[in-house]
Each structure stands twice: as structure tokens, then as C-alpha cells.
Amino acid sequence: MDEFQLFTLLIVPILTILSFCAWWWITSSSINKNSPPSPPALPIIGNLHQLGKLHHRSLYRLSKKHGPLMLLHLGSKPTIVVSSADVAKQILKTHDLSFSNKPALISTKKIFYDSKDLINLPYGDEWRKLRSILLHELLNTTSVRSYRSITEEEMDLMVGKITKEHCSGGRPPLNLTDMFLSLSNDLISRAAFGKKHMSETESGENFFKTMVEIVGLLYSFTVGELIPWLGWCWVLNTNTQVYVSQTSSKVDS
């Protein structure tokens, strides 16, 4: 390897890193000086390195240091984190129209038919029409009262289960996430279909497992959504999974 090739191998990575640092510095300096307090961020990844496996605990520790209104950079996406009830009220009630729209994620687009559901649909005429249908047909006073007996019965069953399985010595810790997810699934199943699909049929149990996976997808991000220029990684990973799946199907057949 001659000196020119060695010089090229050394200078190209250095210039790439310096370019990214310069880009990050320019974009960071262009943010309004009146922005909320923000912890120090790294180039490219921003504050992603400060979020551990338990995100709520990481955000709590950061908010104790930087205040109840905090600015984080998740890759290239500036994100406001609110940990105060008073500030949350201002956002959700006083200035709700300014914060009504949600980011268009790949997972919500795939699951909810290009984000056509009430939660992810952008504020506008279509959203108002869908909200009116929901309030008048499903969540009106008569309908809510008709579900009261189901709610009370399922709540009694959940309390009885906690008392029986988790209030004696030597029992495993109580997993509230699974328990409340099961409760909400049972309530919706009984109100909509007249029976608890999760506990009464095998197909219902498979349906519940699928719902758990869907809920997990709703809280997931792809690399390209946080760092756009790395979006090709998600496409490559998806194509690889499809190829492996097709190959496995051929082998099984």
C-alpha cells in the first residue's frame, strides 16, 4: 500500500466525521435561543445515548436536572419532554390545537391504513367527523352505562385474582402491565362480541398475543425516522426478513 492510499484511508473517515460535526453544530445553533433546557447532545445520535432500557426512569432523571419542560434531540428529531401536570394542562387544554398532530411513523401507517384512525389522523374536517361518530355512536351516555355491569364484573375478577395469586407469601411479583392489558382486552371483547376471546377460545388467545405485538410496534421507531440518512438500513433489514421468510417457506414445502 503506497503513501497516497494510506493517506486516503485516513483522511476520508476524518473528513466524514468533521462534516457530520459541522452539520450538527449548524443545526443546533439555528434552534431558537428561547428553547427549553436541553442536556448536552452528541452529533448524529443526539440524546439517544442517555435513554436506557427503562425510558421513563431515564427521562425522570434528566427532568430532575433540566426541569419539567425539557428539549431532547432523538437523532435529528427535536422532542419536548413534559413532566409537570401544570405544563401538560397548558399543552393538552389551553394550546391543544398547536400540539394536536402526531408524527407520522411507519408503524402507525402500516397498522392503521396510512394513519386513518382517530388518534393519528391530523386535525381537520375528517378528524372532526370521525370524532363525532365515535362520541355519538359508541361513547354516548346510554352506551357507556350499558357497559357498567361488564366493567364492575371484570374489575371484581381482577381484584379477586390479585388477592388469590399475589397476596400470599412466596408469590411472584405482580405484573401490572400484563394484568391491565388483559383487563382492557376482556372489557372490549365482552362489550363488542359478548365474550372474552382471550380466555374462552384458542383463536382468542392468539388474537391477544397479536394485539400485544401490535402495541409493541406502536411504541417502536426505525433508524430512518430518527436519522433520515440511515433510512436505507430499515429497507435493507425488511428485504432481508422477506427473503428469509420466503426461503423458509420453500424449504418447508
Protein backbone atom coordinates (compact mmCIF):
# COMPACT_ATOMS: atom_id res chain seq x y z
CA MET A 1 0.00 0.00 0.00
CA ASP A 2 1.57 3.29 -1.11
CA GLU A 3 1.51 6.53 0.85
CA PHE A 4 -1.36 8.01 -1.20
CA GLN A 5 -3.67 5.05 -0.47
CA LEU A 6 -2.77 5.20 3.22
CA PHE A 7 -3.44 8.94 3.28
CA THR A 8 -6.84 8.39 1.59
CA LEU A 9 -7.85 5.72 4.09
CA LEU A 10 -7.05 8.08 6.95
CA ILE A 11 -8.37 11.38 5.62
CA VAL A 12 -11.75 10.20 4.28
CA PRO A 13 -13.12 8.99 7.67
CA ILE A 14 -11.78 12.12 9.37
CA LEU A 15 -13.43 14.43 6.83
CA THR A 16 -16.68 12.49 7.13
CA ILE A 17 -16.71 12.84 10.90
CA LEU A 18 -15.85 16.53 10.72
CA SER A 19 -18.62 17.10 8.18
CA PHE A 20 -21.19 15.49 10.43
CA CYS A 21 -19.95 17.50 13.42
CA ALA A 22 -20.19 20.73 11.41
CA TRP A 23 -23.70 19.84 10.25
CA TRP A 24 -24.76 19.10 13.81
CA TRP A 25 -23.28 22.35 15.10
CA ILE A 26 -25.06 24.38 12.40
CA THR A 27 -28.45 22.76 13.01
CA SER A 28 -28.07 23.04 16.78
CA SER A 29 -27.08 26.72 16.67
CA SER A 30 -30.10 27.51 14.47
CA ILE A 31 -32.52 26.46 17.22
CA ASN A 32 -34.28 29.32 18.95
CA LYS A 33 -32.34 30.63 21.91
CA ASN A 34 -35.57 30.59 23.93
CA SER A 35 -35.81 26.80 23.63
CA PRO A 36 -36.32 24.76 26.82
CA PRO A 37 -33.25 23.49 28.70
CA SER A 38 -31.56 20.57 26.99
CA PRO A 39 -28.90 18.08 28.10
CA PRO A 40 -25.69 18.01 26.05
CA ALA A 41 -26.20 16.08 22.81
CA LEU A 42 -23.81 14.14 20.62
CA PRO A 43 -23.55 14.57 16.86
CA ILE A 44 -25.88 12.40 14.77
CA ILE A 45 -27.49 10.46 17.65
CA GLY A 46 -28.37 13.49 19.80
CA ASN A 47 -29.54 12.36 23.25
CA LEU A 48 -30.34 8.76 22.33
CA HIS A 49 -27.38 7.53 24.35
CA GLN A 50 -28.97 8.95 27.52
CA LEU A 51 -32.11 6.80 27.23
CA GLY A 52 -31.68 3.44 28.94
CA LYS A 53 -33.87 0.36 28.71
CA LEU A 54 -36.39 1.92 31.10
CA HIS A 55 -37.11 5.16 29.25
CA HIS A 56 -39.42 6.61 31.89
CA ARG A 57 -36.71 6.38 34.54
CA SER A 58 -34.13 7.94 32.24
CA LEU A 59 -36.48 10.81 31.42
CA TYR A 60 -37.25 11.27 35.12
CA ARG A 61 -33.55 11.58 35.98
CA LEU A 62 -32.99 14.07 33.16
CA SER A 63 -36.04 16.13 34.14
CA LYS A 64 -34.81 16.40 37.73
CA LYS A 65 -31.69 18.08 36.38
CA HIS A 66 -33.06 20.11 33.46
CA GLY A 67 -36.59 20.96 34.61
CA PRO A 68 -40.20 19.95 33.88
CA LEU A 69 -40.01 21.24 30.29
CA MET A 70 -37.01 19.73 28.53
CA LEU A 71 -35.77 19.54 24.95
CA LEU A 72 -34.21 16.30 23.74
CA HIS A 73 -32.75 15.50 20.33
CA LEU A 74 -33.69 11.96 19.29
CA GLY A 75 -31.35 11.72 16.36
CA SER A 76 -32.35 14.67 14.18
CA LYS A 77 -35.81 14.98 15.74
CA PRO A 78 -36.22 17.70 18.42
CA THR A 79 -38.59 16.38 21.10
CA ILE A 80 -40.19 18.22 24.00
CA VAL A 81 -40.49 16.20 27.22
CA VAL A 82 -43.07 17.43 29.76
CA SER A 83 -43.01 16.13 33.34
CA SER A 84 -45.24 18.70 35.03
CA ALA A 85 -49.03 18.50 35.40
CA ASP A 86 -49.41 22.27 35.02
CA VAL A 87 -47.37 22.36 31.80
CA ALA A 88 -49.18 19.30 30.46
CA LYS A 89 -52.50 21.07 31.06
CA GLN A 90 -51.30 24.04 29.04
CA ILE A 91 -50.36 21.74 26.16
CA LEU A 92 -53.39 19.43 26.24
CA LYS A 93 -56.07 22.02 27.00
CA THR A 94 -55.02 25.64 26.50
CA HIS A 95 -52.85 25.13 23.40
CA ASP A 96 -54.24 21.78 22.27
CA LEU A 97 -54.60 22.77 18.61
CA SER A 98 -50.91 23.62 18.36
CA PHE A 99 -49.99 20.16 19.63
CA SER A 100 -52.86 18.16 18.09
CA ASN A 101 -50.94 16.47 15.27
CA LYS A 102 -48.68 13.49 15.88
CA PRO A 103 -45.56 12.36 14.00
CA ALA A 104 -46.26 10.07 11.05
CA LEU A 105 -44.49 6.84 11.98
CA ILE A 106 -44.03 3.87 9.69
CA SER A 107 -45.65 1.52 12.22
CA THR A 108 -48.85 3.59 12.55
CA LYS A 109 -49.11 4.00 8.79
CA LYS A 110 -48.90 0.24 8.28
CA ILE A 111 -51.26 -0.74 11.10
CA PHE A 112 -53.89 1.99 10.76
CA TYR A 113 -54.18 2.20 6.98
CA ASP A 114 -51.99 5.24 6.45
CA SER A 115 -52.89 6.67 9.90
CA LYS A 116 -56.62 6.98 9.20
CA ASP A 117 -57.66 6.26 12.81
CA LEU A 118 -58.96 8.89 15.23
CA ILE A 119 -55.76 9.05 17.29
CA ASN A 120 -53.25 9.52 14.46
CA LEU A 121 -55.41 11.35 11.94
CA PRO A 122 -54.33 15.00 11.50
CA TYR A 123 -56.69 17.60 12.91
CA GLY A 124 -59.22 18.72 10.32
CA ASP A 125 -62.67 18.03 8.86
CA GLU A 126 -62.11 14.28 8.53
CA TRP A 127 -60.93 14.04 12.15
CA ARG A 128 -63.94 16.04 13.41
CA LYS A 129 -66.38 13.81 11.51
CA LEU A 130 -64.77 10.64 12.87
CA ARG A 131 -64.77 12.04 16.41
CA SER A 132 -68.45 12.94 16.12
CA ILE A 133 -69.32 9.39 15.06
CA LEU A 134 -67.30 7.93 17.93
CA LEU A 135 -68.92 10.16 20.56
CA HIS A 136 -72.48 9.76 19.34
CA GLU A 137 -72.46 6.06 18.43
CA LEU A 138 -70.00 4.41 20.85
CA LEU A 139 -69.29 6.74 23.77
CA ASN A 140 -72.68 8.32 24.37
CA THR A 141 -74.16 8.21 27.88
CA THR A 142 -76.52 5.31 27.15
CA SER A 143 -73.79 3.12 25.67
CA VAL A 144 -71.33 3.81 28.48
CA ARG A 145 -73.96 2.97 31.11
CA SER A 146 -74.80 -0.28 29.33
CA TYR A 147 -71.18 -1.42 29.82
CA ARG A 148 -71.20 -0.68 33.55
CA SER A 149 -72.10 -4.19 34.68
CA ILE A 150 -69.35 -5.66 32.48
CA THR A 151 -66.81 -3.22 33.90
CA GLU A 152 -67.75 -3.95 37.51
CA GLU A 153 -67.67 -7.71 36.97
CA GLU A 154 -64.26 -7.67 35.27
CA MET A 155 -62.84 -5.38 37.94
CA ASP A 156 -64.07 -7.77 40.65
CA LEU A 157 -62.44 -10.69 38.81
CA MET A 158 -59.14 -8.82 38.56
CA VAL A 159 -59.15 -7.87 42.26
CA GLY A 160 -60.00 -11.47 43.17
CA LYS A 161 -57.13 -12.73 41.04
CA ILE A 162 -54.70 -10.34 42.70
CA THR A 163 -55.92 -11.40 46.15
CA LYS A 164 -55.68 -15.10 45.36
CA GLU A 165 -52.42 -15.26 43.45
CA HIS A 166 -50.31 -12.36 44.74
CA CYS A 167 -51.31 -11.60 48.34
CA SER A 168 -49.73 -14.64 49.97
CA GLY A 169 -46.12 -15.41 50.75
CA GLY A 170 -43.76 -16.75 48.11
CA ARG A 171 -45.76 -15.43 45.18
CA PRO A 172 -44.06 -13.84 42.12
CA PRO A 173 -44.13 -10.04 41.67
CA LEU A 174 -47.31 -8.60 40.22
CA ASN A 175 -47.02 -7.65 36.55
CA LEU A 176 -49.46 -4.75 36.25
CA THR A 177 -48.71 -4.25 32.55
CA ASP A 178 -49.96 -7.71 31.57
CA MET A 179 -52.86 -7.53 34.01
CA PHE A 180 -54.22 -4.19 32.77
CA LEU A 181 -53.70 -5.22 29.15
CA SER A 182 -55.67 -8.39 29.84
CA LEU A 183 -58.38 -6.37 31.60
CA SER A 184 -58.79 -3.91 28.74
CA ASN A 185 -58.89 -6.76 26.23
CA ASP A 186 -61.59 -8.58 28.23
CA LEU A 187 -63.68 -5.43 28.58
CA ILE A 188 -63.53 -4.63 24.88
CA SER A 189 -64.17 -8.26 23.88
CA ARG A 190 -67.22 -8.60 26.10
CA ALA A 191 -68.65 -5.22 25.11
CA ALA A 192 -68.10 -5.77 21.38
CA PHE A 193 -68.50 -9.55 20.95
CA GLY A 194 -70.29 -10.73 24.10
CA LYS A 195 -67.49 -12.99 25.36
CA LYS A 196 -63.85 -12.92 26.41
CA HIS A 197 -61.98 -14.25 23.41
CA MET A 198 -58.67 -14.37 25.21
CA SER A 199 -59.73 -16.84 27.89
CA GLU A 200 -62.54 -18.76 26.16
CA THR A 201 -61.06 -19.77 22.78
CA GLU A 202 -57.67 -20.71 21.39
CA SER A 203 -58.08 -18.28 18.50
CA GLY A 204 -58.86 -15.57 21.04
CA GLU A 205 -55.60 -16.24 22.84
CA ASN A 206 -53.73 -15.95 19.53
CA PHE A 207 -55.59 -12.71 18.89
CA PHE A 208 -54.45 -11.39 22.27
CA LYS A 209 -50.81 -12.27 21.50
CA THR A 210 -51.11 -10.46 18.18
CA MET A 211 -52.50 -7.40 19.94
CA VAL A 212 -49.54 -7.41 22.33
CA GLU A 213 -47.16 -7.42 19.35
CA ILE A 214 -49.09 -4.57 17.69
CA VAL A 215 -48.93 -2.47 20.86
CA GLY A 216 -45.17 -3.05 20.92
CA LEU A 217 -44.89 -1.85 17.33
CA LEU A 218 -46.78 1.34 18.13
CA TYR A 219 -44.01 2.38 20.52
CA SER A 220 -41.15 1.46 18.20
CA PHE A 221 -39.10 3.60 15.85
CA THR A 222 -36.99 2.81 12.84
CA VAL A 223 -33.50 4.19 12.38
CA GLY A 224 -34.61 6.22 9.36
CA GLU A 225 -37.26 8.06 11.37
CA LEU A 226 -34.67 9.41 13.81
CA ILE A 227 -31.66 9.60 11.48
CA PRO A 228 -33.08 10.04 7.95
CA TRP A 229 -29.86 9.40 6.05
CA LEU A 230 -29.69 5.91 7.63
CA GLY A 231 -33.18 5.01 6.44
CA TRP A 232 -31.72 2.52 3.96
CA CYS A 233 -30.84 0.26 6.92
CA TRP A 234 -34.54 -0.33 7.65
CA VAL A 235 -35.28 -1.09 3.98
CA LEU A 236 -32.34 -3.50 3.82
CA ASN A 237 -33.46 -5.22 7.04
CA THR A 238 -37.05 -5.53 5.76
CA ASN A 239 -35.94 -7.01 2.45
CA THR A 240 -33.69 -9.46 4.28
CA GLN A 241 -36.55 -10.61 6.51
CA VAL A 242 -38.83 -11.09 3.50
CA TYR A 243 -36.15 -13.11 1.68
CA VAL A 244 -35.51 -15.32 4.73
CA SER A 245 -39.26 -15.85 5.17
CA GLN A 246 -39.70 -16.85 1.54
CA THR A 247 -36.70 -19.16 1.69
CA SER A 248 -38.05 -20.85 4.82
CA SER A 249 -41.42 -21.38 3.16
CA LYS A 250 -39.76 -23.09 0.18
CA VAL A 251 -37.74 -25.34 2.46
CA ASP A 252 -40.83 -26.32 4.49
CA SER A 253 -42.77 -27.15 1.34
